[in-house]
Amino acid sequence: MIQKTPRTTPSRYANQRTHYDEALVHGIIDEALFCTISYAEDHQPFSIPQSIVRVGNYVYIHGSVGSHFVRTLTDGRPVCITVMLADEIVVAKTAFHHSINYRSVVIFASGELVEDQDEKFASFKALTEKMVPGSWDYLKPMTGKEMQKTSSIRFEIKEASAKIRNWGPGHEEDEMDLPIWTGLIPIKPIRLAPVPDEEGAKHPLPEHLKYA
């Protein structure tokens, strides 16, 4: 259950743009390949981009067991996790009213190191399948040694909110007669045809990589 708190309530457009629906929040996270994790250490702010995957009511990230970043996130300190999907550039009659249609999520949480090996393995599989769908069973199986070298950290999706803008440009009344085009410019990320390296060129492209 997602909780509405003062930290997840924006100061502007709270009623028009902010949502606490769990399915909506989960859907945005599932579509996003990357997030930004922000935290403080010794009064210094840090904001680190990271790949992300959701399993149930948790988001997971992965990193080397030797990473200072990974060790830092598992000491219980609060972090802020954000994802954003840009959908359209909003073109108005004035630069002031230009905007972006977007979907975003903000999560406040603390990281937990995943100790259960089955859960850890499942999070690795989920992230791999999110990044390259259909690849897990095609690849060489992950070894126990590789599992030991990689940490999985989870964050509960509890104190969170989604923020969405999905409408056209705004106009002032005195602008309506100006002969200036207005509308939306869609931004749609796509996967292009894979490009093999020297080793990959020796083998046929598998079905799960045939995007085009």
N, C-alpha and C. Protein backbone atom coordinates (compact mmCIF):
# COMPACT_ATOMS: atom_id res chain seq x y z
N MET A 1 0.85 -1.20 0.00
CA MET A 1 0.00 0.00 0.00
C MET A 1 0.88 1.25 0.00
N ILE A 2 0.66 2.13 -0.94
CA ILE A 2 1.44 3.36 -1.04
C ILE A 2 0.87 4.41 -0.10
N GLN A 3 1.77 5.04 0.64
CA GLN A 3 1.36 6.04 1.62
C GLN A 3 1.58 7.45 1.08
N LYS A 4 0.58 8.31 1.28
CA LYS A 4 0.74 9.72 0.98
C LYS A 4 1.32 10.40 2.20
N THR A 5 2.43 11.10 2.03
CA THR A 5 3.09 11.79 3.13
C THR A 5 3.44 13.20 2.69
N PRO A 6 3.84 14.06 3.63
CA PRO A 6 4.26 15.42 3.24
C PRO A 6 5.38 15.41 2.21
N ARG A 7 6.27 14.42 2.27
CA ARG A 7 7.39 14.37 1.32
C ARG A 7 6.93 13.96 -0.08
N THR A 8 5.82 13.25 -0.20
CA THR A 8 5.33 12.82 -1.51
C THR A 8 4.19 13.71 -2.01
N THR A 9 4.00 14.86 -1.35
CA THR A 9 2.96 15.80 -1.76
C THR A 9 3.64 17.05 -2.31
N PRO A 10 3.60 17.28 -3.62
CA PRO A 10 4.28 18.45 -4.19
C PRO A 10 3.60 19.74 -3.79
N SER A 11 4.35 20.82 -3.85
CA SER A 11 3.81 22.13 -3.47
C SER A 11 2.98 22.75 -4.59
N ARG A 12 3.16 22.28 -5.85
CA ARG A 12 2.40 22.81 -6.98
C ARG A 12 1.73 21.67 -7.74
N TYR A 13 0.53 21.92 -8.24
CA TYR A 13 -0.23 20.97 -9.07
C TYR A 13 -0.47 19.63 -8.35
N ALA A 14 -0.60 19.68 -7.03
CA ALA A 14 -0.78 18.44 -6.27
C ALA A 14 -2.05 17.71 -6.70
N ASN A 15 -3.13 18.44 -6.95
CA ASN A 15 -4.38 17.79 -7.31
C ASN A 15 -4.44 17.39 -8.78
N GLN A 16 -3.81 18.19 -9.65
CA GLN A 16 -3.90 17.92 -11.09
C GLN A 16 -2.92 16.85 -11.56
N ARG A 17 -1.77 16.75 -10.94
CA ARG A 17 -0.70 15.90 -11.50
C ARG A 17 -0.26 14.75 -10.62
N THR A 18 -0.57 14.77 -9.35
CA THR A 18 -0.02 13.78 -8.43
C THR A 18 -0.98 12.63 -8.21
N HIS A 19 -0.42 11.41 -8.20
CA HIS A 19 -1.24 10.20 -8.07
C HIS A 19 -0.56 9.23 -7.09
N TYR A 20 -1.39 8.48 -6.38
CA TYR A 20 -0.87 7.50 -5.42
C TYR A 20 -1.38 6.10 -5.71
N ASP A 21 -1.91 5.91 -6.90
CA ASP A 21 -2.41 4.60 -7.30
C ASP A 21 -1.25 3.63 -7.48
N GLU A 22 -1.30 2.50 -6.80
CA GLU A 22 -0.19 1.55 -6.82
C GLU A 22 0.09 1.01 -8.22
N ALA A 23 -0.97 0.65 -8.94
CA ALA A 23 -0.78 0.10 -10.29
C ALA A 23 -0.13 1.13 -11.21
N LEU A 24 -0.51 2.39 -11.07
CA LEU A 24 0.07 3.45 -11.90
C LEU A 24 1.54 3.65 -11.57
N VAL A 25 1.87 3.70 -10.29
CA VAL A 25 3.26 3.86 -9.86
C VAL A 25 4.11 2.68 -10.36
N HIS A 26 3.59 1.46 -10.18
CA HIS A 26 4.32 0.27 -10.63
C HIS A 26 4.52 0.29 -12.14
N GLY A 27 3.51 0.70 -12.89
CA GLY A 27 3.61 0.72 -14.34
C GLY A 27 4.69 1.66 -14.85
N ILE A 28 4.82 2.82 -14.23
CA ILE A 28 5.86 3.77 -14.64
C ILE A 28 7.24 3.20 -14.34
N ILE A 29 7.40 2.61 -13.16
CA ILE A 29 8.69 2.00 -12.80
C ILE A 29 9.03 0.87 -13.77
N ASP A 30 8.04 0.07 -14.13
CA ASP A 30 8.29 -1.06 -15.02
C ASP A 30 8.71 -0.61 -16.41
N GLU A 31 8.23 0.53 -16.85
CA GLU A 31 8.60 1.02 -18.18
C GLU A 31 9.98 1.66 -18.19
N ALA A 32 10.39 2.22 -17.05
CA ALA A 32 11.68 2.92 -16.98
C ALA A 32 12.82 1.92 -16.85
N LEU A 33 13.87 2.12 -17.63
CA LEU A 33 15.05 1.26 -17.54
C LEU A 33 16.02 1.75 -16.47
N PHE A 34 15.98 3.04 -16.18
CA PHE A 34 16.95 3.61 -15.27
C PHE A 34 16.28 4.51 -14.24
N CYS A 35 16.97 4.70 -13.13
CA CYS A 35 16.50 5.60 -12.08
C CYS A 35 17.67 6.47 -11.66
N THR A 36 17.40 7.41 -10.77
CA THR A 36 18.45 8.18 -10.11
C THR A 36 18.27 8.00 -8.61
N ILE A 37 19.33 7.63 -7.92
CA ILE A 37 19.29 7.45 -6.48
C ILE A 37 20.07 8.59 -5.82
N SER A 38 19.39 9.32 -4.96
CA SER A 38 19.99 10.48 -4.30
C SER A 38 20.10 10.23 -2.80
N TYR A 39 21.23 10.62 -2.22
CA TYR A 39 21.45 10.44 -0.79
C TYR A 39 22.54 11.42 -0.35
N ALA A 40 22.77 11.49 0.94
CA ALA A 40 23.80 12.38 1.48
C ALA A 40 24.82 11.56 2.26
N GLU A 41 26.07 11.98 2.16
CA GLU A 41 27.15 11.35 2.93
C GLU A 41 28.11 12.44 3.37
N ASP A 42 28.32 12.54 4.67
CA ASP A 42 29.19 13.58 5.23
C ASP A 42 28.79 14.97 4.74
N HIS A 43 27.48 15.22 4.75
CA HIS A 43 26.92 16.52 4.35
C HIS A 43 27.14 16.85 2.88
N GLN A 44 27.50 15.85 2.10
CA GLN A 44 27.69 16.04 0.66
C GLN A 44 26.58 15.29 -0.09
N PRO A 45 25.82 15.96 -0.95
CA PRO A 45 24.78 15.25 -1.71
C PRO A 45 25.37 14.46 -2.87
N PHE A 46 24.78 13.31 -3.14
CA PHE A 46 25.14 12.48 -4.28
C PHE A 46 23.87 12.09 -5.02
N SER A 47 23.97 11.96 -6.33
CA SER A 47 22.84 11.55 -7.16
C SER A 47 23.39 10.65 -8.25
N ILE A 48 23.07 9.34 -8.16
CA ILE A 48 23.72 8.34 -8.99
C ILE A 48 22.70 7.66 -9.91
N PRO A 49 22.93 7.64 -11.23
CA PRO A 49 22.05 6.90 -12.14
C PRO A 49 22.30 5.40 -12.00
N GLN A 50 21.24 4.61 -12.15
CA GLN A 50 21.35 3.18 -11.92
C GLN A 50 20.24 2.46 -12.66
N SER A 51 20.50 1.25 -13.16
CA SER A 51 19.43 0.43 -13.72
C SER A 51 18.53 -0.05 -12.59
N ILE A 52 17.26 -0.33 -12.90
CA ILE A 52 16.29 -0.63 -11.85
C ILE A 52 15.28 -1.65 -12.36
N VAL A 53 14.78 -2.47 -11.45
CA VAL A 53 13.72 -3.41 -11.78
C VAL A 53 12.79 -3.52 -10.58
N ARG A 54 11.52 -3.74 -10.84
CA ARG A 54 10.54 -3.94 -9.77
C ARG A 54 10.12 -5.41 -9.74
N VAL A 55 10.07 -5.96 -8.52
CA VAL A 55 9.50 -7.28 -8.29
C VAL A 55 8.55 -7.13 -7.11
N GLY A 56 7.26 -7.31 -7.35
CA GLY A 56 6.29 -7.11 -6.29
C GLY A 56 6.29 -5.67 -5.84
N ASN A 57 6.37 -5.44 -4.53
CA ASN A 57 6.32 -4.08 -4.01
C ASN A 57 7.71 -3.56 -3.64
N TYR A 58 8.73 -4.09 -4.33
CA TYR A 58 10.10 -3.62 -4.10
C TYR A 58 10.75 -3.28 -5.43
N VAL A 59 11.66 -2.30 -5.40
CA VAL A 59 12.55 -2.07 -6.53
C VAL A 59 13.94 -2.56 -6.12
N TYR A 60 14.67 -3.09 -7.11
CA TYR A 60 15.98 -3.67 -6.87
C TYR A 60 17.02 -2.99 -7.74
N ILE A 61 18.21 -2.82 -7.17
CA ILE A 61 19.38 -2.42 -7.94
C ILE A 61 20.49 -3.42 -7.65
N HIS A 62 21.52 -3.43 -8.49
CA HIS A 62 22.61 -4.39 -8.35
C HIS A 62 23.94 -3.68 -8.51
N GLY A 63 24.96 -4.24 -7.88
CA GLY A 63 26.29 -3.68 -8.01
C GLY A 63 27.33 -4.60 -7.40
N SER A 64 28.58 -4.29 -7.63
CA SER A 64 29.68 -5.08 -7.10
C SER A 64 29.69 -5.05 -5.57
N VAL A 65 30.03 -6.18 -4.95
CA VAL A 65 30.11 -6.22 -3.49
C VAL A 65 31.21 -5.28 -2.98
N GLY A 66 32.16 -4.94 -3.84
CA GLY A 66 33.23 -4.04 -3.43
C GLY A 66 32.93 -2.57 -3.64
N SER A 67 31.75 -2.26 -4.17
CA SER A 67 31.40 -0.88 -4.48
C SER A 67 31.09 -0.08 -3.22
N HIS A 68 31.73 1.07 -3.09
CA HIS A 68 31.43 1.97 -1.97
C HIS A 68 29.98 2.43 -2.04
N PHE A 69 29.50 2.70 -3.22
CA PHE A 69 28.11 3.11 -3.43
C PHE A 69 27.15 2.05 -2.89
N VAL A 70 27.39 0.79 -3.21
CA VAL A 70 26.53 -0.30 -2.76
C VAL A 70 26.57 -0.41 -1.23
N ARG A 71 27.76 -0.37 -0.66
CA ARG A 71 27.88 -0.48 0.80
C ARG A 71 27.18 0.69 1.49
N THR A 72 27.27 1.86 0.90
CA THR A 72 26.65 3.04 1.49
C THR A 72 25.13 2.89 1.55
N LEU A 73 24.54 2.34 0.50
CA LEU A 73 23.09 2.26 0.43
C LEU A 73 22.49 1.21 1.35
N THR A 74 23.31 0.37 1.94
CA THR A 74 22.79 -0.68 2.81
C THR A 74 22.99 -0.38 4.29
N ASP A 75 23.36 0.86 4.62
CA ASP A 75 23.58 1.17 6.04
C ASP A 75 22.35 1.79 6.70
N GLY A 76 21.23 1.79 5.97
CA GLY A 76 19.98 2.26 6.56
C GLY A 76 19.67 3.72 6.33
N ARG A 77 20.54 4.45 5.67
CA ARG A 77 20.29 5.87 5.46
C ARG A 77 19.12 6.07 4.49
N PRO A 78 18.39 7.16 4.62
CA PRO A 78 17.28 7.43 3.69
C PRO A 78 17.79 7.83 2.32
N VAL A 79 17.10 7.38 1.30
CA VAL A 79 17.43 7.76 -0.07
C VAL A 79 16.16 8.20 -0.78
N CYS A 80 16.35 8.92 -1.86
CA CYS A 80 15.25 9.31 -2.74
C CYS A 80 15.53 8.72 -4.12
N ILE A 81 14.59 7.93 -4.62
CA ILE A 81 14.72 7.29 -5.93
C ILE A 81 13.72 7.92 -6.89
N THR A 82 14.19 8.35 -8.05
CA THR A 82 13.31 8.97 -9.03
C THR A 82 13.45 8.29 -10.38
N VAL A 83 12.32 8.20 -11.09
CA VAL A 83 12.34 7.79 -12.49
C VAL A 83 11.47 8.78 -13.26
N MET A 84 11.81 8.98 -14.53
CA MET A 84 11.02 9.88 -15.37
C MET A 84 10.97 9.35 -16.78
N LEU A 85 9.79 9.38 -17.37
CA LEU A 85 9.58 9.04 -18.77
C LEU A 85 9.08 10.30 -19.47
N ALA A 86 9.84 10.81 -20.42
CA ALA A 86 9.43 11.98 -21.20
C ALA A 86 8.62 11.50 -22.40
N ASP A 87 7.40 11.98 -22.54
CA ASP A 87 6.50 11.50 -23.59
C ASP A 87 6.36 12.47 -24.76
N GLU A 88 6.27 13.76 -24.47
CA GLU A 88 6.05 14.74 -25.54
C GLU A 88 6.63 16.09 -25.15
N ILE A 89 7.14 16.82 -26.14
CA ILE A 89 7.49 18.23 -25.95
C ILE A 89 6.25 19.05 -26.25
N VAL A 90 5.91 19.92 -25.35
CA VAL A 90 4.70 20.74 -25.48
C VAL A 90 5.10 22.10 -26.06
N VAL A 91 4.62 22.40 -27.26
CA VAL A 91 5.01 23.62 -27.97
C VAL A 91 3.86 24.62 -27.91
N ALA A 92 4.12 25.74 -27.30
CA ALA A 92 3.09 26.78 -27.12
C ALA A 92 3.40 27.99 -27.98
N LYS A 93 2.60 29.01 -27.83
CA LYS A 93 2.81 30.25 -28.60
C LYS A 93 3.92 31.11 -28.00
N THR A 94 4.29 30.84 -26.76
CA THR A 94 5.38 31.57 -26.12
C THR A 94 6.32 30.56 -25.47
N ALA A 95 7.58 30.95 -25.34
CA ALA A 95 8.55 30.08 -24.67
C ALA A 95 8.14 29.82 -23.22
N PHE A 96 7.50 30.79 -22.61
CA PHE A 96 7.08 30.66 -21.22
C PHE A 96 6.15 29.47 -21.02
N HIS A 97 5.30 29.17 -22.01
CA HIS A 97 4.32 28.10 -21.88
C HIS A 97 4.78 26.78 -22.50
N HIS A 98 6.00 26.74 -23.05
CA HIS A 98 6.54 25.45 -23.49
C HIS A 98 6.68 24.53 -22.26
N SER A 99 6.49 23.25 -22.48
CA SER A 99 6.56 22.32 -21.36
C SER A 99 6.90 20.92 -21.86
N ILE A 100 6.80 19.94 -20.98
CA ILE A 100 7.03 18.53 -21.29
C ILE A 100 5.88 17.72 -20.72
N ASN A 101 5.32 16.84 -21.53
CA ASN A 101 4.42 15.83 -21.00
C ASN A 101 5.27 14.66 -20.52
N TYR A 102 5.04 14.23 -19.31
CA TYR A 102 5.92 13.25 -18.69
C TYR A 102 5.15 12.39 -17.69
N ARG A 103 5.79 11.29 -17.29
CA ARG A 103 5.33 10.46 -16.19
C ARG A 103 6.53 10.20 -15.28
N SER A 104 6.38 10.44 -14.01
CA SER A 104 7.51 10.27 -13.10
C SER A 104 7.05 9.64 -11.80
N VAL A 105 8.02 9.07 -11.09
CA VAL A 105 7.77 8.48 -9.77
C VAL A 105 8.89 8.91 -8.83
N VAL A 106 8.52 9.23 -7.61
CA VAL A 106 9.47 9.53 -6.54
C VAL A 106 9.22 8.55 -5.41
N ILE A 107 10.28 7.91 -4.93
CA ILE A 107 10.19 6.95 -3.82
C ILE A 107 11.15 7.39 -2.72
N PHE A 108 10.67 7.43 -1.49
CA PHE A 108 11.53 7.63 -0.33
C PHE A 108 11.63 6.30 0.42
N ALA A 109 12.86 5.84 0.66
CA ALA A 109 13.03 4.52 1.27
C ALA A 109 14.44 4.38 1.81
N SER A 110 14.69 3.24 2.45
CA SER A 110 16.03 2.86 2.87
C SER A 110 16.36 1.51 2.26
N GLY A 111 17.60 1.31 1.90
CA GLY A 111 17.99 0.09 1.22
C GLY A 111 18.19 -1.08 2.17
N GLU A 112 17.87 -2.27 1.68
CA GLU A 112 18.10 -3.51 2.42
C GLU A 112 18.93 -4.44 1.53
N LEU A 113 20.03 -4.95 2.06
CA LEU A 113 20.82 -5.93 1.34
C LEU A 113 20.05 -7.24 1.27
N VAL A 114 19.90 -7.78 0.06
CA VAL A 114 19.16 -9.03 -0.11
C VAL A 114 20.07 -10.19 0.26
N GLU A 115 19.74 -10.89 1.34
CA GLU A 115 20.53 -12.02 1.81
C GLU A 115 20.00 -13.35 1.30
N ASP A 116 18.68 -13.45 1.12
CA ASP A 116 18.08 -14.68 0.64
C ASP A 116 18.54 -14.96 -0.79
N GLN A 117 19.15 -16.10 -1.02
CA GLN A 117 19.75 -16.40 -2.32
C GLN A 117 18.70 -16.58 -3.42
N ASP A 118 17.55 -17.12 -3.09
CA ASP A 118 16.51 -17.28 -4.09
C ASP A 118 15.98 -15.93 -4.54
N GLU A 119 15.77 -15.02 -3.58
CA GLU A 119 15.30 -13.68 -3.92
C GLU A 119 16.36 -12.93 -4.71
N LYS A 120 17.61 -13.08 -4.33
CA LYS A 120 18.71 -12.43 -5.03
C LYS A 120 18.78 -12.91 -6.48
N PHE A 121 18.70 -14.23 -6.66
CA PHE A 121 18.74 -14.80 -8.00
C PHE A 121 17.56 -14.30 -8.83
N ALA A 122 16.38 -14.26 -8.23
CA ALA A 122 15.18 -13.80 -8.94
C ALA A 122 15.32 -12.34 -9.36
N SER A 123 15.96 -11.52 -8.52
CA SER A 123 16.13 -10.10 -8.88
C SER A 123 17.11 -9.94 -10.03
N PHE A 124 18.16 -10.78 -10.07
CA PHE A 124 19.09 -10.75 -11.20
C PHE A 124 18.37 -11.13 -12.49
N LYS A 125 17.58 -12.19 -12.42
CA LYS A 125 16.84 -12.63 -13.60
C LYS A 125 15.86 -11.57 -14.07
N ALA A 126 15.16 -10.95 -13.12
CA ALA A 126 14.16 -9.94 -13.48
C ALA A 126 14.81 -8.75 -14.17
N LEU A 127 15.97 -8.30 -13.67
CA LEU A 127 16.64 -7.16 -14.29
C LEU A 127 17.15 -7.52 -15.68
N THR A 128 17.73 -8.71 -15.82
CA THR A 128 18.23 -9.14 -17.13
C THR A 128 17.10 -9.21 -18.15
N GLU A 129 15.97 -9.78 -17.74
CA GLU A 129 14.83 -9.90 -18.65
C GLU A 129 14.21 -8.55 -18.97
N LYS A 130 14.30 -7.61 -18.05
CA LYS A 130 13.78 -6.27 -18.33
C LYS A 130 14.66 -5.56 -19.37
N MET A 131 15.96 -5.68 -19.21
CA MET A 131 16.88 -5.00 -20.11
C MET A 131 16.92 -5.66 -21.49
N VAL A 132 16.96 -6.99 -21.50
CA VAL A 132 17.02 -7.74 -22.76
C VAL A 132 15.99 -8.87 -22.68
N PRO A 133 14.72 -8.58 -22.99
CA PRO A 133 13.68 -9.60 -22.85
C PRO A 133 13.99 -10.88 -23.63
N GLY A 134 13.74 -12.00 -22.99
CA GLY A 134 13.96 -13.29 -23.64
C GLY A 134 15.37 -13.80 -23.58
N SER A 135 16.26 -13.12 -22.85
CA SER A 135 17.68 -13.47 -22.91
C SER A 135 18.12 -14.43 -21.81
N TRP A 136 17.41 -14.50 -20.69
CA TRP A 136 17.93 -15.24 -19.54
C TRP A 136 18.22 -16.71 -19.87
N ASP A 137 17.27 -17.38 -20.50
CA ASP A 137 17.46 -18.79 -20.81
C ASP A 137 18.42 -19.01 -21.98
N TYR A 138 18.67 -17.96 -22.77
CA TYR A 138 19.60 -18.06 -23.90
C TYR A 138 21.05 -17.96 -23.43
N LEU A 139 21.28 -17.21 -22.38
CA LEU A 139 22.64 -16.94 -21.91
C LEU A 139 23.23 -18.12 -21.13
N LYS A 140 24.53 -18.11 -20.99
CA LYS A 140 25.20 -19.04 -20.09
C LYS A 140 24.66 -18.81 -18.68
N PRO A 141 24.28 -19.84 -17.96
CA PRO A 141 23.70 -19.68 -16.62
C PRO A 141 24.64 -18.93 -15.67
N MET A 142 24.07 -18.12 -14.81
CA MET A 142 24.84 -17.39 -13.82
C MET A 142 25.43 -18.37 -12.81
N THR A 143 26.68 -18.17 -12.46
CA THR A 143 27.37 -19.08 -11.55
C THR A 143 27.25 -18.60 -10.11
N GLY A 144 27.54 -19.51 -9.18
CA GLY A 144 27.55 -19.14 -7.77
C GLY A 144 28.60 -18.09 -7.46
N LYS A 145 29.75 -18.17 -8.14
CA LYS A 145 30.81 -17.19 -7.92
C LYS A 145 30.37 -15.81 -8.36
N GLU A 146 29.65 -15.74 -9.48
CA GLU A 146 29.14 -14.45 -9.94
C GLU A 146 28.11 -13.89 -8.97
N MET A 147 27.29 -14.79 -8.40
CA MET A 147 26.31 -14.36 -7.39
C MET A 147 27.02 -13.75 -6.19
N GLN A 148 28.12 -14.36 -5.77
CA GLN A 148 28.85 -13.87 -4.60
C GLN A 148 29.49 -12.52 -4.85
N LYS A 149 29.84 -12.25 -6.09
CA LYS A 149 30.52 -11.00 -6.42
C LYS A 149 29.56 -9.83 -6.61
N THR A 150 28.26 -10.11 -6.61
CA THR A 150 27.27 -9.08 -6.92
C THR A 150 26.29 -8.93 -5.77
N SER A 151 26.04 -7.70 -5.38
CA SER A 151 25.06 -7.41 -4.35
C SER A 151 23.74 -7.02 -4.97
N SER A 152 22.66 -7.39 -4.31
CA SER A 152 21.32 -6.94 -4.68
C SER A 152 20.75 -6.15 -3.51
N ILE A 153 20.25 -4.97 -3.80
CA ILE A 153 19.67 -4.11 -2.77
C ILE A 153 18.22 -3.84 -3.15
N ARG A 154 17.33 -3.93 -2.16
CA ARG A 154 15.93 -3.66 -2.44
C ARG A 154 15.44 -2.48 -1.62
N PHE A 155 14.43 -1.80 -2.19
CA PHE A 155 13.79 -0.66 -1.55
C PHE A 155 12.29 -0.86 -1.64
N GLU A 156 11.60 -0.71 -0.54
CA GLU A 156 10.16 -0.90 -0.56
C GLU A 156 9.46 0.29 -1.20
N ILE A 157 8.48 0.00 -2.05
CA ILE A 157 7.68 1.06 -2.67
C ILE A 157 6.50 1.34 -1.75
N LYS A 158 6.73 2.16 -0.76
CA LYS A 158 5.72 2.44 0.26
C LYS A 158 5.42 3.93 0.34
N GLU A 159 6.44 4.73 0.56
CA GLU A 159 6.29 6.18 0.57
C GLU A 159 6.66 6.68 -0.83
N ALA A 160 5.65 6.83 -1.67
CA ALA A 160 5.91 7.12 -3.09
C ALA A 160 4.75 7.88 -3.69
N SER A 161 5.01 8.46 -4.85
CA SER A 161 3.95 9.12 -5.61
C SER A 161 4.35 9.18 -7.07
N ALA A 162 3.35 9.26 -7.92
CA ALA A 162 3.57 9.49 -9.35
C ALA A 162 3.12 10.90 -9.68
N LYS A 163 3.78 11.50 -10.65
CA LYS A 163 3.39 12.82 -11.13
C LYS A 163 3.33 12.77 -12.65
N ILE A 164 2.24 13.27 -13.20
CA ILE A 164 1.99 13.12 -14.63
C ILE A 164 1.49 14.44 -15.22
N ARG A 165 2.04 14.80 -16.38
CA ARG A 165 1.46 15.86 -17.21
C ARG A 165 1.18 15.25 -18.57
N ASN A 166 -0.06 15.36 -19.04
CA ASN A 166 -0.42 14.71 -20.32
C ASN A 166 -1.45 15.52 -21.10
N TRP A 167 -1.24 16.82 -21.17
CA TRP A 167 -2.16 17.65 -21.93
C TRP A 167 -1.40 18.67 -22.79
N GLY A 168 -2.14 19.42 -23.57
CA GLY A 168 -1.54 20.33 -24.53
C GLY A 168 -1.05 21.63 -23.91
N PRO A 169 -0.59 22.54 -24.76
CA PRO A 169 -0.03 23.80 -24.27
C PRO A 169 -1.11 24.72 -23.71
N GLY A 170 -0.68 25.55 -22.79
CA GLY A 170 -1.57 26.59 -22.27
C GLY A 170 -1.41 27.86 -23.08
N HIS A 171 -2.48 28.64 -23.16
CA HIS A 171 -2.45 29.89 -23.92
C HIS A 171 -3.07 31.01 -23.10
N GLU A 172 -2.47 32.18 -23.19
CA GLU A 172 -3.10 33.37 -22.61
C GLU A 172 -4.12 33.91 -23.61
N GLU A 173 -5.10 34.61 -23.10
CA GLU A 173 -6.18 35.10 -23.97
C GLU A 173 -5.65 36.04 -25.05
N ASP A 174 -4.64 36.84 -24.73
CA ASP A 174 -4.13 37.80 -25.72
C ASP A 174 -3.20 37.15 -26.74
N GLU A 175 -2.98 35.83 -26.64
CA GLU A 175 -2.13 35.13 -27.59
C GLU A 175 -2.92 34.38 -28.65
N MET A 176 -4.21 34.25 -28.47
CA MET A 176 -4.99 33.34 -29.31
C MET A 176 -4.98 33.71 -30.79
N ASP A 177 -4.82 34.97 -31.11
CA ASP A 177 -4.84 35.40 -32.52
C ASP A 177 -3.45 35.41 -33.15
N LEU A 178 -2.42 35.05 -32.40
CA LEU A 178 -1.07 35.05 -32.96
C LEU A 178 -0.92 33.88 -33.94
N PRO A 179 -0.33 34.13 -35.15
CA PRO A 179 -0.19 33.07 -36.16
C PRO A 179 1.01 32.16 -35.87
N ILE A 180 0.98 31.49 -34.72
CA ILE A 180 2.10 30.65 -34.28
C ILE A 180 1.60 29.23 -34.06
N TRP A 181 2.32 28.26 -34.65
CA TRP A 181 1.93 26.85 -34.52
C TRP A 181 2.08 26.38 -33.08
N THR A 182 1.14 25.57 -32.62
CA THR A 182 1.22 24.97 -31.30
C THR A 182 0.86 23.49 -31.39
N GLY A 183 1.30 22.71 -30.43
CA GLY A 183 0.97 21.29 -30.44
C GLY A 183 1.96 20.48 -29.64
N LEU A 184 2.09 19.20 -29.99
CA LEU A 184 2.92 18.26 -29.26
C LEU A 184 3.92 17.59 -30.20
N ILE A 185 5.13 17.39 -29.71
CA ILE A 185 6.15 16.64 -30.45
C ILE A 185 6.42 15.37 -29.66
N PRO A 186 5.95 14.21 -30.14
CA PRO A 186 6.13 12.96 -29.39
C PRO A 186 7.61 12.58 -29.25
N ILE A 187 7.94 12.03 -28.10
CA ILE A 187 9.27 11.48 -27.84
C ILE A 187 9.08 10.01 -27.53
N LYS A 188 9.48 9.14 -28.43
CA LYS A 188 9.24 7.72 -28.25
C LYS A 188 10.55 6.94 -28.33
N PRO A 189 11.08 6.48 -27.20
CA PRO A 189 12.30 5.66 -27.24
C PRO A 189 12.02 4.32 -27.91
N ILE A 190 12.93 3.90 -28.77
CA ILE A 190 12.78 2.61 -29.46
C ILE A 190 14.08 1.84 -29.42
N ARG A 191 13.97 0.53 -29.57
CA ARG A 191 15.16 -0.31 -29.67
C ARG A 191 15.46 -0.54 -31.15
N LEU A 192 16.64 -0.17 -31.56
CA LEU A 192 17.05 -0.36 -32.95
C LEU A 192 17.67 -1.74 -33.12
N ALA A 193 17.95 -2.09 -34.35
CA ALA A 193 18.54 -3.40 -34.65
C ALA A 193 19.88 -3.54 -33.94
N PRO A 194 20.13 -4.67 -33.28
CA PRO A 194 21.40 -4.87 -32.58
C PRO A 194 22.60 -4.83 -33.53
N VAL A 195 23.71 -4.32 -33.02
CA VAL A 195 24.95 -4.23 -33.78
C VAL A 195 25.96 -5.18 -33.14
N PRO A 196 26.40 -6.23 -33.82
CA PRO A 196 27.30 -7.21 -33.20
C PRO A 196 28.72 -6.69 -33.08
N ASP A 197 29.41 -7.19 -32.05
CA ASP A 197 30.85 -6.94 -31.99
C ASP A 197 31.55 -8.04 -32.80
N GLU A 198 32.88 -8.10 -32.73
CA GLU A 198 33.62 -9.05 -33.55
C GLU A 198 33.22 -10.49 -33.24
N GLU A 199 33.03 -10.80 -31.95
CA GLU A 199 32.65 -12.15 -31.56
C GLU A 199 31.20 -12.44 -31.93
N GLY A 200 30.31 -11.46 -31.70
CA GLY A 200 28.90 -11.66 -32.01
C GLY A 200 28.65 -11.90 -33.48
N ALA A 201 29.50 -11.32 -34.34
CA ALA A 201 29.32 -11.47 -35.79
C ALA A 201 29.53 -12.92 -36.25
N LYS A 202 30.11 -13.74 -35.40
CA LYS A 202 30.35 -15.15 -35.76
C LYS A 202 29.09 -16.00 -35.55
N HIS A 203 28.08 -15.45 -34.94
CA HIS A 203 26.91 -16.24 -34.56
C HIS A 203 25.63 -15.59 -35.09
N PRO A 204 24.61 -16.39 -35.38
CA PRO A 204 23.35 -15.81 -35.86
C PRO A 204 22.65 -15.01 -34.76
N LEU A 205 21.94 -13.98 -35.17
CA LEU A 205 21.20 -13.16 -34.23
C LEU A 205 20.03 -13.97 -33.68
N PRO A 206 19.92 -14.13 -32.36
CA PRO A 206 18.82 -14.93 -31.81
C PRO A 206 17.48 -14.23 -31.96
N GLU A 207 16.43 -14.98 -31.92
CA GLU A 207 15.10 -14.45 -32.16
C GLU A 207 14.73 -13.33 -31.18
N HIS A 208 15.15 -13.45 -29.91
CA HIS A 208 14.73 -12.46 -28.92
C HIS A 208 15.42 -11.11 -29.13
N LEU A 209 16.41 -11.04 -30.02
CA LEU A 209 17.07 -9.76 -30.31
C LEU A 209 16.65 -9.16 -31.64
N LYS A 210 15.71 -9.77 -32.31
CA LYS A 210 15.28 -9.25 -33.61
C LYS A 210 14.19 -8.21 -33.42
N TYR A 211 14.63 -6.98 -33.11
CA TYR A 211 13.69 -5.88 -32.86
C TYR A 211 13.14 -5.30 -34.16
N ALA A 212 13.95 -5.33 -35.22
CA ALA A 212 13.53 -4.69 -36.47
C ALA A 212 13.38 -5.72 -37.59
